[in-house]
Amino acid sequence: MKYARLRIHHDPDSLHPMHAFEMAHDRIESAELLHWNTVLDGTNTFVFRIRGDPEPFRAKLESREVTVDYSLTPAVEGAFYCCVRDRVTSADEGYIDAFARGTLVVIPPIRFAPDGTTALTVVGTPTDVEAAVEGLPDGLRATVRSVGPYRRRVGEPSARLTDRQREAVAAAVACGYYDSPREGSVADVAAALDVAPGTAAEHLRKAEATVMESVV
């Protein structure tokens, strides 16, 4: 089994209307799809986490003909949650069809970025993962951010680290590199890994970048 972290680039015509709304509204910063349930009655139910003001989002949901029902939480520290049930649209079907193949499973969250791209992780056999990346519908193209064997929930930041990066972070924690005040150094990490300091620093930098990207 294999995983691939992808960034999906959309032509203007292929961008989902709600994603386009989020990009255009100055009181909505970003959104991510946390959970979904596709039932066989022509509707989909989604749970989103949105950074921004819930009132413009509420108004948009009220104005859409496809909205069947919804519920919003109050915003806490700039973020709120939305559970919405929609009638299935052609835009929804396009997204589903892009990754509905063979063994392929999409691992939440799916992040809808302000630049119009979508970030997601897929898991499946190497053949199906490759086919999904290369066989996207017209208007979509994928950039592969990372790929490798699936051993655990790759949605977790620590699961995205390579074995060597994880060893470097463990050595850094053990020697006090992340203590405040700092007790250990990159040289200490390098000595524990038996590598050059520059190599140890590179492992730590990449691990930190992966974790911080997930956090924000």
N, C-alpha and C. Protein backbone atom coordinates (compact mmCIF):
# COMPACT_ATOMS: atom_id res chain seq x y z
N MET A 1 0.84 -1.18 0.00
CA MET A 1 0.00 0.00 0.00
C MET A 1 0.88 1.25 0.00
N LYS A 2 0.39 2.30 -0.65
CA LYS A 2 1.18 3.50 -0.86
C LYS A 2 0.33 4.73 -0.53
N TYR A 3 0.99 5.80 -0.08
CA TYR A 3 0.28 7.06 0.09
C TYR A 3 0.92 8.13 -0.79
N ALA A 4 0.13 9.14 -1.12
CA ALA A 4 0.65 10.30 -1.84
C ALA A 4 -0.04 11.54 -1.31
N ARG A 5 0.75 12.52 -0.91
CA ARG A 5 0.22 13.84 -0.54
C ARG A 5 0.23 14.69 -1.78
N LEU A 6 -0.94 15.20 -2.14
CA LEU A 6 -1.10 15.89 -3.41
C LEU A 6 -1.57 17.32 -3.20
N ARG A 7 -1.18 18.18 -4.12
CA ARG A 7 -1.79 19.50 -4.24
C ARG A 7 -2.46 19.56 -5.61
N ILE A 8 -3.77 19.78 -5.62
CA ILE A 8 -4.54 19.79 -6.85
C ILE A 8 -4.69 21.23 -7.33
N HIS A 9 -4.30 21.46 -8.57
CA HIS A 9 -4.43 22.78 -9.20
C HIS A 9 -5.66 22.75 -10.11
N HIS A 10 -6.45 23.80 -10.04
CA HIS A 10 -7.72 23.85 -10.77
C HIS A 10 -7.68 24.93 -11.84
N ASP A 11 -8.18 24.59 -13.02
CA ASP A 11 -8.52 25.63 -13.97
C ASP A 11 -9.72 26.39 -13.41
N PRO A 12 -9.92 27.65 -13.81
CA PRO A 12 -11.04 28.42 -13.24
C PRO A 12 -12.39 27.72 -13.34
N ASP A 13 -12.63 27.04 -14.45
CA ASP A 13 -13.94 26.40 -14.64
C ASP A 13 -14.12 25.17 -13.77
N SER A 14 -13.03 24.61 -13.26
CA SER A 14 -13.13 23.38 -12.46
C SER A 14 -13.15 23.66 -10.96
N LEU A 15 -13.02 24.93 -10.56
CA LEU A 15 -13.01 25.27 -9.15
C LEU A 15 -14.42 25.14 -8.57
N HIS A 16 -14.53 24.47 -7.43
CA HIS A 16 -15.84 24.30 -6.80
C HIS A 16 -16.39 25.68 -6.41
N PRO A 17 -17.69 25.93 -6.61
CA PRO A 17 -18.26 27.26 -6.29
C PRO A 17 -18.03 27.70 -4.86
N MET A 18 -18.08 26.78 -3.90
CA MET A 18 -17.85 27.18 -2.51
C MET A 18 -16.39 27.55 -2.28
N HIS A 19 -15.47 26.86 -2.94
CA HIS A 19 -14.06 27.22 -2.84
C HIS A 19 -13.85 28.60 -3.44
N ALA A 20 -14.48 28.87 -4.57
CA ALA A 20 -14.36 30.19 -5.20
C ALA A 20 -14.92 31.28 -4.28
N PHE A 21 -16.01 31.00 -3.60
CA PHE A 21 -16.59 31.96 -2.66
C PHE A 21 -15.62 32.24 -1.52
N GLU A 22 -15.03 31.18 -0.97
CA GLU A 22 -14.09 31.36 0.14
C GLU A 22 -12.89 32.20 -0.27
N MET A 23 -12.40 31.98 -1.49
CA MET A 23 -11.26 32.75 -1.99
C MET A 23 -11.61 34.22 -2.15
N ALA A 24 -12.83 34.50 -2.60
CA ALA A 24 -13.21 35.87 -2.96
C ALA A 24 -13.61 36.70 -1.75
N HIS A 25 -14.07 36.07 -0.67
CA HIS A 25 -14.61 36.82 0.46
C HIS A 25 -13.50 37.19 1.43
N ASP A 26 -13.40 38.46 1.76
CA ASP A 26 -12.30 38.92 2.61
C ASP A 26 -12.49 38.56 4.08
N ARG A 27 -13.64 38.00 4.45
CA ARG A 27 -13.87 37.60 5.84
C ARG A 27 -13.81 36.08 6.02
N ILE A 28 -13.42 35.38 4.95
CA ILE A 28 -13.19 33.94 5.02
C ILE A 28 -11.74 33.68 4.62
N GLU A 29 -10.96 33.08 5.52
CA GLU A 29 -9.54 32.88 5.26
C GLU A 29 -9.25 31.55 4.56
N SER A 30 -9.81 30.47 5.06
CA SER A 30 -9.52 29.15 4.50
C SER A 30 -10.55 28.16 5.02
N ALA A 31 -10.59 26.98 4.41
CA ALA A 31 -11.52 25.94 4.84
C ALA A 31 -10.89 24.59 4.64
N GLU A 32 -11.31 23.62 5.45
CA GLU A 32 -10.88 22.25 5.26
C GLU A 32 -12.04 21.31 5.53
N LEU A 33 -12.12 20.27 4.71
CA LEU A 33 -13.16 19.26 4.83
C LEU A 33 -12.65 18.16 5.76
N LEU A 34 -13.36 17.96 6.88
CA LEU A 34 -12.91 17.01 7.90
C LEU A 34 -13.56 15.64 7.74
N HIS A 35 -14.85 15.61 7.43
CA HIS A 35 -15.59 14.36 7.35
C HIS A 35 -16.67 14.50 6.28
N TRP A 36 -17.08 13.37 5.72
CA TRP A 36 -18.18 13.40 4.76
C TRP A 36 -18.89 12.06 4.76
N ASN A 37 -20.13 12.12 4.28
CA ASN A 37 -20.96 10.92 4.22
C ASN A 37 -21.80 11.02 2.95
N THR A 38 -21.53 10.16 1.99
CA THR A 38 -22.28 10.14 0.75
C THR A 38 -23.35 9.05 0.85
N VAL A 39 -24.60 9.46 0.85
CA VAL A 39 -25.69 8.50 0.91
C VAL A 39 -26.31 8.37 -0.47
N LEU A 40 -27.15 7.39 -0.65
CA LEU A 40 -27.66 7.08 -1.99
C LEU A 40 -29.02 7.70 -2.26
N ASP A 41 -29.23 8.91 -1.76
CA ASP A 41 -30.50 9.60 -2.01
C ASP A 41 -30.27 10.91 -2.75
N GLY A 42 -29.08 11.05 -3.37
CA GLY A 42 -28.80 12.27 -4.13
C GLY A 42 -28.31 13.42 -3.28
N THR A 43 -27.89 13.14 -2.02
CA THR A 43 -27.35 14.19 -1.16
C THR A 43 -26.00 13.76 -0.60
N ASN A 44 -25.21 14.74 -0.19
CA ASN A 44 -23.96 14.53 0.53
C ASN A 44 -24.00 15.36 1.81
N THR A 45 -23.39 14.83 2.86
CA THR A 45 -23.26 15.58 4.11
C THR A 45 -21.78 15.76 4.42
N PHE A 46 -21.40 17.00 4.79
CA PHE A 46 -20.00 17.34 5.00
C PHE A 46 -19.85 18.06 6.34
N VAL A 47 -18.68 17.89 6.95
CA VAL A 47 -18.29 18.69 8.11
C VAL A 47 -17.02 19.45 7.74
N PHE A 48 -17.09 20.78 7.82
CA PHE A 48 -15.97 21.64 7.48
C PHE A 48 -15.47 22.39 8.72
N ARG A 49 -14.21 22.73 8.70
CA ARG A 49 -13.64 23.69 9.65
C ARG A 49 -13.20 24.89 8.83
N ILE A 50 -13.71 26.07 9.20
CA ILE A 50 -13.46 27.28 8.41
C ILE A 50 -12.85 28.33 9.31
N ARG A 51 -11.82 29.00 8.82
CA ARG A 51 -11.24 30.13 9.52
C ARG A 51 -11.86 31.40 8.94
N GLY A 52 -12.45 32.19 9.81
CA GLY A 52 -13.07 33.42 9.35
C GLY A 52 -14.35 33.71 10.10
N ASP A 53 -15.20 34.52 9.50
CA ASP A 53 -16.46 34.97 10.09
C ASP A 53 -17.58 34.03 9.64
N PRO A 54 -18.34 33.42 10.55
CA PRO A 54 -19.40 32.50 10.13
C PRO A 54 -20.58 33.16 9.43
N GLU A 55 -20.80 34.46 9.63
CA GLU A 55 -22.00 35.08 9.08
C GLU A 55 -22.01 35.13 7.54
N PRO A 56 -20.91 35.52 6.87
CA PRO A 56 -20.92 35.43 5.40
C PRO A 56 -21.12 33.99 4.91
N PHE A 57 -20.56 33.03 5.64
CA PHE A 57 -20.72 31.63 5.26
C PHE A 57 -22.18 31.21 5.42
N ARG A 58 -22.80 31.65 6.49
CA ARG A 58 -24.22 31.34 6.72
C ARG A 58 -25.07 31.92 5.59
N ALA A 59 -24.79 33.17 5.22
CA ALA A 59 -25.56 33.81 4.16
C ALA A 59 -25.40 33.07 2.83
N LYS A 60 -24.19 32.61 2.56
CA LYS A 60 -23.95 31.87 1.33
C LYS A 60 -24.73 30.57 1.33
N LEU A 61 -24.71 29.83 2.44
CA LEU A 61 -25.45 28.58 2.51
C LEU A 61 -26.95 28.81 2.32
N GLU A 62 -27.47 29.90 2.91
CA GLU A 62 -28.89 30.22 2.78
C GLU A 62 -29.28 30.52 1.33
N SER A 63 -28.35 31.09 0.58
CA SER A 63 -28.66 31.52 -0.79
C SER A 63 -28.53 30.41 -1.82
N ARG A 64 -27.90 29.29 -1.45
CA ARG A 64 -27.67 28.21 -2.41
C ARG A 64 -28.91 27.33 -2.56
N GLU A 65 -29.28 27.04 -3.79
CA GLU A 65 -30.42 26.16 -4.03
C GLU A 65 -30.14 24.72 -3.61
N VAL A 66 -28.85 24.33 -3.58
CA VAL A 66 -28.52 22.93 -3.29
C VAL A 66 -28.43 22.64 -1.80
N THR A 67 -28.48 23.66 -0.94
CA THR A 67 -28.40 23.44 0.50
C THR A 67 -29.71 22.84 1.01
N VAL A 68 -29.62 21.66 1.61
CA VAL A 68 -30.79 21.02 2.20
C VAL A 68 -30.93 21.42 3.66
N ASP A 69 -29.83 21.37 4.40
CA ASP A 69 -29.84 21.71 5.82
C ASP A 69 -28.41 22.00 6.24
N TYR A 70 -28.24 22.77 7.31
CA TYR A 70 -26.89 23.05 7.79
C TYR A 70 -26.93 23.48 9.24
N SER A 71 -25.76 23.43 9.88
CA SER A 71 -25.60 23.92 11.24
C SER A 71 -24.20 24.49 11.38
N LEU A 72 -24.09 25.66 12.02
CA LEU A 72 -22.80 26.31 12.24
C LEU A 72 -22.55 26.46 13.74
N THR A 73 -21.29 26.31 14.13
CA THR A 73 -20.91 26.60 15.51
C THR A 73 -20.47 28.06 15.60
N PRO A 74 -20.48 28.64 16.79
CA PRO A 74 -19.88 29.96 16.95
C PRO A 74 -18.37 29.90 16.67
N ALA A 75 -17.82 31.02 16.25
CA ALA A 75 -16.37 31.08 16.01
C ALA A 75 -15.63 31.13 17.33
N VAL A 76 -14.58 30.32 17.45
CA VAL A 76 -13.71 30.31 18.62
C VAL A 76 -12.28 30.46 18.11
N GLU A 77 -11.60 31.51 18.58
CA GLU A 77 -10.24 31.80 18.14
C GLU A 77 -10.15 31.86 16.62
N GLY A 78 -11.17 32.44 16.00
CA GLY A 78 -11.13 32.68 14.56
C GLY A 78 -11.55 31.52 13.69
N ALA A 79 -12.06 30.43 14.29
CA ALA A 79 -12.45 29.26 13.49
C ALA A 79 -13.83 28.77 13.93
N PHE A 80 -14.59 28.25 12.98
CA PHE A 80 -15.89 27.66 13.30
C PHE A 80 -16.08 26.40 12.46
N TYR A 81 -17.11 25.61 12.83
CA TYR A 81 -17.39 24.35 12.15
C TYR A 81 -18.75 24.43 11.48
N CYS A 82 -18.86 23.74 10.37
CA CYS A 82 -20.11 23.72 9.62
C CYS A 82 -20.43 22.28 9.24
N CYS A 83 -21.65 21.84 9.56
CA CYS A 83 -22.17 20.57 9.06
C CYS A 83 -23.27 20.93 8.06
N VAL A 84 -23.10 20.50 6.82
CA VAL A 84 -24.05 20.88 5.77
C VAL A 84 -24.44 19.65 4.94
N ARG A 85 -25.71 19.57 4.64
CA ARG A 85 -26.22 18.54 3.74
C ARG A 85 -26.64 19.21 2.45
N ASP A 86 -26.06 18.75 1.33
CA ASP A 86 -26.29 19.33 0.02
C ASP A 86 -26.89 18.32 -0.94
N ARG A 87 -27.64 18.83 -1.90
CA ARG A 87 -27.96 18.01 -3.06
C ARG A 87 -26.71 17.87 -3.92
N VAL A 88 -26.48 16.69 -4.45
CA VAL A 88 -25.28 16.43 -5.24
C VAL A 88 -25.30 17.26 -6.51
N THR A 89 -24.19 17.95 -6.78
CA THR A 89 -24.06 18.76 -7.99
C THR A 89 -23.03 18.14 -8.92
N SER A 90 -22.96 18.66 -10.15
CA SER A 90 -21.96 18.17 -11.09
C SER A 90 -20.55 18.46 -10.59
N ALA A 91 -20.37 19.58 -9.87
CA ALA A 91 -19.06 19.89 -9.31
C ALA A 91 -18.66 18.85 -8.27
N ASP A 92 -19.63 18.45 -7.42
CA ASP A 92 -19.36 17.40 -6.44
C ASP A 92 -18.98 16.10 -7.12
N GLU A 93 -19.73 15.74 -8.15
CA GLU A 93 -19.47 14.49 -8.86
C GLU A 93 -18.09 14.49 -9.50
N GLY A 94 -17.67 15.66 -10.00
CA GLY A 94 -16.34 15.76 -10.60
C GLY A 94 -15.24 15.48 -9.60
N TYR A 95 -15.41 16.01 -8.38
CA TYR A 95 -14.42 15.77 -7.34
C TYR A 95 -14.41 14.30 -6.94
N ILE A 96 -15.61 13.72 -6.78
CA ILE A 96 -15.70 12.31 -6.36
C ILE A 96 -15.12 11.40 -7.43
N ASP A 97 -15.49 11.65 -8.68
CA ASP A 97 -15.02 10.79 -9.77
C ASP A 97 -13.51 10.83 -9.93
N ALA A 98 -12.89 11.94 -9.56
CA ALA A 98 -11.45 12.08 -9.73
C ALA A 98 -10.69 11.04 -8.92
N PHE A 99 -11.25 10.64 -7.78
CA PHE A 99 -10.52 9.73 -6.88
C PHE A 99 -11.30 8.47 -6.54
N ALA A 100 -12.42 8.24 -7.22
CA ALA A 100 -13.21 7.03 -6.97
C ALA A 100 -12.73 5.93 -7.92
N ARG A 101 -11.69 5.23 -7.49
CA ARG A 101 -11.14 4.16 -8.32
C ARG A 101 -10.52 3.09 -7.45
N GLY A 102 -10.79 1.84 -7.79
CA GLY A 102 -10.10 0.70 -7.19
C GLY A 102 -9.97 0.77 -5.69
N THR A 103 -8.73 0.70 -5.22
CA THR A 103 -8.44 0.66 -3.79
C THR A 103 -8.29 2.04 -3.17
N LEU A 104 -8.42 3.09 -3.96
CA LEU A 104 -8.06 4.43 -3.51
C LEU A 104 -8.98 4.93 -2.40
N VAL A 105 -8.37 5.50 -1.35
CA VAL A 105 -9.10 6.11 -0.24
C VAL A 105 -8.51 7.49 0.01
N VAL A 106 -9.36 8.49 0.18
CA VAL A 106 -8.92 9.84 0.52
C VAL A 106 -8.90 9.97 2.03
N ILE A 107 -7.75 10.42 2.58
CA ILE A 107 -7.58 10.57 4.02
C ILE A 107 -7.82 12.03 4.39
N PRO A 108 -8.82 12.32 5.24
CA PRO A 108 -9.05 13.72 5.63
C PRO A 108 -7.93 14.21 6.54
N PRO A 109 -7.77 15.56 6.63
CA PRO A 109 -8.63 16.57 6.02
C PRO A 109 -8.24 16.88 4.58
N ILE A 110 -9.19 17.45 3.85
CA ILE A 110 -8.93 18.03 2.54
C ILE A 110 -8.91 19.54 2.73
N ARG A 111 -7.81 20.18 2.39
CA ARG A 111 -7.65 21.61 2.66
C ARG A 111 -7.84 22.42 1.38
N PHE A 112 -8.71 23.43 1.46
CA PHE A 112 -9.00 24.32 0.34
C PHE A 112 -8.24 25.62 0.57
N ALA A 113 -7.16 25.80 -0.17
CA ALA A 113 -6.24 26.90 0.09
C ALA A 113 -6.74 28.20 -0.54
N PRO A 114 -6.34 29.35 0.03
CA PRO A 114 -6.74 30.63 -0.53
C PRO A 114 -6.23 30.88 -1.94
N ASP A 115 -5.19 30.14 -2.38
CA ASP A 115 -4.68 30.34 -3.74
C ASP A 115 -5.43 29.52 -4.78
N GLY A 116 -6.50 28.81 -4.36
CA GLY A 116 -7.30 28.05 -5.30
C GLY A 116 -6.87 26.61 -5.47
N THR A 117 -5.85 26.17 -4.75
CA THR A 117 -5.43 24.77 -4.81
C THR A 117 -6.09 23.98 -3.68
N THR A 118 -6.09 22.67 -3.82
CA THR A 118 -6.64 21.78 -2.82
C THR A 118 -5.56 20.78 -2.41
N ALA A 119 -5.34 20.61 -1.11
CA ALA A 119 -4.33 19.68 -0.60
C ALA A 119 -5.03 18.48 0.01
N LEU A 120 -4.58 17.29 -0.37
CA LEU A 120 -5.19 16.07 0.16
C LEU A 120 -4.20 14.92 0.12
N THR A 121 -4.53 13.87 0.84
CA THR A 121 -3.73 12.66 0.88
C THR A 121 -4.57 11.49 0.40
N VAL A 122 -4.01 10.67 -0.49
CA VAL A 122 -4.70 9.47 -0.95
C VAL A 122 -3.86 8.25 -0.59
N VAL A 123 -4.54 7.14 -0.36
CA VAL A 123 -3.90 5.87 -0.02
C VAL A 123 -4.50 4.78 -0.89
N GLY A 124 -3.66 3.88 -1.35
CA GLY A 124 -4.14 2.75 -2.14
C GLY A 124 -2.97 1.95 -2.66
N THR A 125 -3.24 1.05 -3.59
CA THR A 125 -2.16 0.30 -4.22
C THR A 125 -1.34 1.26 -5.07
N PRO A 126 -0.06 0.96 -5.29
CA PRO A 126 0.75 1.84 -6.14
C PRO A 126 0.12 2.10 -7.50
N THR A 127 -0.51 1.09 -8.09
CA THR A 127 -1.13 1.26 -9.40
C THR A 127 -2.27 2.26 -9.35
N ASP A 128 -3.12 2.18 -8.33
CA ASP A 128 -4.27 3.08 -8.24
C ASP A 128 -3.85 4.49 -7.87
N VAL A 129 -2.84 4.63 -7.00
CA VAL A 129 -2.35 5.97 -6.66
C VAL A 129 -1.78 6.65 -7.90
N GLU A 130 -0.98 5.93 -8.65
CA GLU A 130 -0.39 6.49 -9.86
C GLU A 130 -1.46 6.84 -10.89
N ALA A 131 -2.46 5.97 -11.02
CA ALA A 131 -3.53 6.23 -11.98
C ALA A 131 -4.34 7.46 -11.61
N ALA A 132 -4.54 7.66 -10.31
CA ALA A 132 -5.29 8.84 -9.85
C ALA A 132 -4.55 10.12 -10.17
N VAL A 133 -3.23 10.10 -9.95
CA VAL A 133 -2.42 11.30 -10.20
C VAL A 133 -2.38 11.61 -11.69
N GLU A 134 -2.23 10.58 -12.50
CA GLU A 134 -2.06 10.79 -13.93
C GLU A 134 -3.38 10.89 -14.68
N GLY A 135 -4.47 10.44 -14.07
CA GLY A 135 -5.73 10.39 -14.79
C GLY A 135 -6.78 11.35 -14.28
N LEU A 136 -6.36 12.50 -13.77
CA LEU A 136 -7.33 13.48 -13.29
C LEU A 136 -8.17 14.02 -14.45
N PRO A 137 -9.41 14.40 -14.18
CA PRO A 137 -10.25 14.96 -15.24
C PRO A 137 -9.67 16.26 -15.79
N ASP A 138 -10.18 16.66 -16.96
CA ASP A 138 -9.77 17.93 -17.55
C ASP A 138 -10.03 19.06 -16.56
N GLY A 139 -9.08 19.97 -16.49
CA GLY A 139 -9.20 21.11 -15.59
C GLY A 139 -8.51 20.93 -14.26
N LEU A 140 -8.02 19.70 -13.99
CA LEU A 140 -7.32 19.43 -12.75
C LEU A 140 -5.94 18.86 -13.07
N ARG A 141 -4.95 19.24 -12.28
CA ARG A 141 -3.63 18.61 -12.37
C ARG A 141 -3.05 18.53 -10.97
N ALA A 142 -2.20 17.54 -10.75
CA ALA A 142 -1.70 17.27 -9.41
C ALA A 142 -0.20 17.52 -9.32
N THR A 143 0.22 18.11 -8.23
CA THR A 143 1.62 18.17 -7.84
C THR A 143 1.80 17.22 -6.66
N VAL A 144 2.74 16.28 -6.77
CA VAL A 144 2.98 15.32 -5.71
C VAL A 144 3.93 15.95 -4.69
N ARG A 145 3.46 16.11 -3.46
CA ARG A 145 4.25 16.74 -2.41
C ARG A 145 5.13 15.74 -1.68
N SER A 146 4.63 14.53 -1.48
CA SER A 146 5.42 13.44 -0.94
C SER A 146 4.71 12.14 -1.25
N VAL A 147 5.47 11.06 -1.28
CA VAL A 147 4.91 9.75 -1.61
C VAL A 147 5.75 8.68 -0.90
N GLY A 148 5.12 7.58 -0.55
CA GLY A 148 5.87 6.52 0.12
C GLY A 148 4.95 5.41 0.58
N PRO A 149 5.51 4.39 1.24
CA PRO A 149 4.69 3.30 1.76
C PRO A 149 3.80 3.78 2.90
N TYR A 150 2.58 3.28 2.93
CA TYR A 150 1.64 3.67 3.97
C TYR A 150 1.79 2.73 5.17
N ARG A 151 2.20 3.29 6.30
CA ARG A 151 2.39 2.48 7.50
C ARG A 151 1.46 2.86 8.64
N ARG A 152 0.90 4.07 8.56
CA ARG A 152 0.05 4.56 9.64
C ARG A 152 -0.77 5.70 9.07
N ARG A 153 -1.47 6.39 9.94
CA ARG A 153 -2.28 7.52 9.46
C ARG A 153 -1.37 8.63 8.98
N VAL A 154 -1.26 8.76 7.66
CA VAL A 154 -0.34 9.77 7.13
C VAL A 154 -0.88 11.18 7.32
N GLY A 155 -2.13 11.31 7.76
CA GLY A 155 -2.65 12.63 8.06
C GLY A 155 -2.03 13.24 9.30
N GLU A 156 -1.45 12.40 10.17
CA GLU A 156 -0.80 12.91 11.36
C GLU A 156 0.57 13.47 11.00
N PRO A 157 0.94 14.64 11.53
CA PRO A 157 2.23 15.24 11.17
C PRO A 157 3.41 14.31 11.37
N SER A 158 3.46 13.60 12.51
CA SER A 158 4.61 12.75 12.79
C SER A 158 4.69 11.59 11.81
N ALA A 159 3.53 11.17 11.28
CA ALA A 159 3.53 10.04 10.35
C ALA A 159 4.10 10.43 9.00
N ARG A 160 4.20 11.72 8.72
CA ARG A 160 4.74 12.17 7.44
C ARG A 160 6.26 12.26 7.44
N LEU A 161 6.87 12.08 8.61
CA LEU A 161 8.32 12.16 8.68
C LEU A 161 8.93 10.87 8.18
N THR A 162 10.09 10.99 7.55
CA THR A 162 10.84 9.79 7.19
C THR A 162 11.41 9.17 8.46
N ASP A 163 11.84 7.91 8.35
CA ASP A 163 12.42 7.25 9.52
C ASP A 163 13.63 8.03 10.04
N ARG A 164 14.45 8.55 9.13
CA ARG A 164 15.65 9.28 9.55
C ARG A 164 15.29 10.61 10.20
N GLN A 165 14.27 11.28 9.68
CA GLN A 165 13.83 12.53 10.31
C GLN A 165 13.29 12.28 11.70
N ARG A 166 12.56 11.18 11.86
CA ARG A 166 12.03 10.85 13.18
C ARG A 166 13.16 10.54 14.16
N GLU A 167 14.19 9.84 13.68
CA GLU A 167 15.35 9.56 14.53
C GLU A 167 16.04 10.86 14.95
N ALA A 168 16.14 11.79 14.02
CA ALA A 168 16.79 13.07 14.32
C ALA A 168 16.00 13.85 15.37
N VAL A 169 14.66 13.88 15.21
CA VAL A 169 13.83 14.59 16.19
C VAL A 169 13.92 13.92 17.55
N ALA A 170 13.89 12.58 17.58
CA ALA A 170 14.01 11.87 18.86
C ALA A 170 15.34 12.19 19.54
N ALA A 171 16.42 12.22 18.75
CA ALA A 171 17.73 12.55 19.31
C ALA A 171 17.75 13.99 19.82
N ALA A 172 17.09 14.89 19.09
CA ALA A 172 17.05 16.30 19.50
C ALA A 172 16.31 16.46 20.81
N VAL A 173 15.19 15.75 20.95
CA VAL A 173 14.43 15.82 22.21
C VAL A 173 15.26 15.25 23.35
N ALA A 174 15.94 14.12 23.10
CA ALA A 174 16.71 13.46 24.15
C ALA A 174 17.86 14.31 24.64
N CYS A 175 18.48 15.06 23.74
CA CYS A 175 19.65 15.85 24.15
C CYS A 175 19.30 17.25 24.63
N GLY A 176 18.01 17.59 24.60
CA GLY A 176 17.60 18.90 25.09
C GLY A 176 17.61 20.00 24.05
N TYR A 177 17.67 19.63 22.79
CA TYR A 177 17.72 20.64 21.72
C TYR A 177 16.47 21.52 21.71
N TYR A 178 15.32 20.94 22.11
CA TYR A 178 14.08 21.70 22.10
C TYR A 178 13.70 22.23 23.49
N ASP A 179 14.59 22.07 24.46
CA ASP A 179 14.32 22.62 25.78
C ASP A 179 14.41 24.14 25.73
N SER A 180 13.82 24.78 26.73
CA SER A 180 13.93 26.23 26.85
C SER A 180 14.34 26.56 28.29
N PRO A 181 15.57 27.06 28.51
CA PRO A 181 16.58 27.34 27.47
C PRO A 181 17.15 26.06 26.86
N ARG A 182 17.66 26.19 25.67
CA ARG A 182 18.17 25.04 24.93
C ARG A 182 19.40 24.46 25.60
N GLU A 183 19.38 23.13 25.79
CA GLU A 183 20.50 22.44 26.43
C GLU A 183 21.39 21.73 25.41
N GLY A 184 20.80 21.21 24.34
CA GLY A 184 21.55 20.47 23.33
C GLY A 184 21.78 21.29 22.08
N SER A 185 22.59 20.76 21.18
CA SER A 185 22.92 21.47 19.95
C SER A 185 22.78 20.53 18.76
N VAL A 186 22.87 21.12 17.56
CA VAL A 186 22.85 20.31 16.34
C VAL A 186 24.01 19.33 16.35
N ALA A 187 25.14 19.76 16.90
CA ALA A 187 26.30 18.87 16.99
C ALA A 187 25.99 17.64 17.84
N ASP A 188 25.21 17.83 18.91
CA ASP A 188 24.81 16.70 19.76
C ASP A 188 23.92 15.73 18.99
N VAL A 189 23.00 16.29 18.21
CA VAL A 189 22.12 15.45 17.39
C VAL A 189 22.95 14.69 16.36
N ALA A 190 23.88 15.39 15.74
CA ALA A 190 24.73 14.75 14.74
C ALA A 190 25.54 13.61 15.34
N ALA A 191 26.05 13.83 16.55
CA ALA A 191 26.84 12.78 17.21
C ALA A 191 25.97 11.55 17.51
N ALA A 192 24.72 11.79 17.92
CA ALA A 192 23.83 10.67 18.24
C ALA A 192 23.47 9.87 16.98
N LEU A 193 23.39 10.56 15.84
CA LEU A 193 23.04 9.90 14.58
C LEU A 193 24.27 9.41 13.82
N ASP A 194 25.46 9.85 14.27
CA ASP A 194 26.71 9.53 13.58
C ASP A 194 26.70 10.08 12.16
N VAL A 195 26.30 11.35 12.04
CA VAL A 195 26.30 12.04 10.75
C VAL A 195 26.95 13.40 10.93
N ALA A 196 27.17 14.09 9.83
CA ALA A 196 27.72 15.44 9.89
C ALA A 196 26.66 16.41 10.44
N PRO A 197 27.12 17.48 11.11
CA PRO A 197 26.15 18.45 11.64
C PRO A 197 25.22 19.02 10.57
N GLY A 198 25.74 19.25 9.37
CA GLY A 198 24.90 19.76 8.30
C GLY A 198 23.79 18.80 7.94
N THR A 199 24.09 17.51 7.96
CA THR A 199 23.08 16.50 7.66
C THR A 199 22.02 16.45 8.76
N ALA A 200 22.47 16.51 10.02
CA ALA A 200 21.52 16.52 11.14
C ALA A 200 20.61 17.74 11.07
N ALA A 201 21.20 18.90 10.76
CA ALA A 201 20.41 20.13 10.65
C ALA A 201 19.37 20.02 9.55
N GLU A 202 19.73 19.39 8.43
CA GLU A 202 18.80 19.23 7.32
C GLU A 202 17.64 18.31 7.71
N HIS A 203 17.93 17.21 8.41
CA HIS A 203 16.86 16.33 8.88
C HIS A 203 15.89 17.09 9.79
N LEU A 204 16.44 17.87 10.72
CA LEU A 204 15.60 18.61 11.65
C LEU A 204 14.78 19.67 10.92
N ARG A 205 15.41 20.37 9.98
CA ARG A 205 14.70 21.43 9.26
C ARG A 205 13.50 20.87 8.49
N LYS A 206 13.72 19.75 7.80
CA LYS A 206 12.63 19.16 7.02
C LYS A 206 11.53 18.63 7.92
N ALA A 207 11.91 18.02 9.05
CA ALA A 207 10.91 17.53 9.99
C ALA A 207 10.09 18.68 10.56
N GLU A 208 10.75 19.74 10.94
CA GLU A 208 10.05 20.89 11.51
C GLU A 208 9.14 21.53 10.48
N ALA A 209 9.57 21.62 9.24
CA ALA A 209 8.74 22.21 8.19
C ALA A 209 7.47 21.39 7.98
N THR A 210 7.60 20.06 8.00
CA THR A 210 6.44 19.19 7.83
C THR A 210 5.43 19.37 8.95
N VAL A 211 5.93 19.39 10.19
CA VAL A 211 5.03 19.52 11.34
C VAL A 211 4.38 20.90 11.38
N MET A 212 5.15 21.95 11.15
CA MET A 212 4.61 23.30 11.22
C MET A 212 3.59 23.55 10.11
N GLU A 213 3.82 23.01 8.93
CA GLU A 213 2.86 23.16 7.84
C GLU A 213 1.53 22.55 8.23
N SER A 214 1.56 21.39 8.88
CA SER A 214 0.32 20.75 9.30
C SER A 214 -0.40 21.57 10.37
N VAL A 215 0.36 22.16 11.28
CA VAL A 215 -0.24 22.91 12.38
C VAL A 215 -0.99 24.12 11.87
N VAL A 216 -0.42 24.85 10.90
CA VAL A 216 -1.04 26.08 10.43
C VAL A 216 -1.95 25.84 9.24
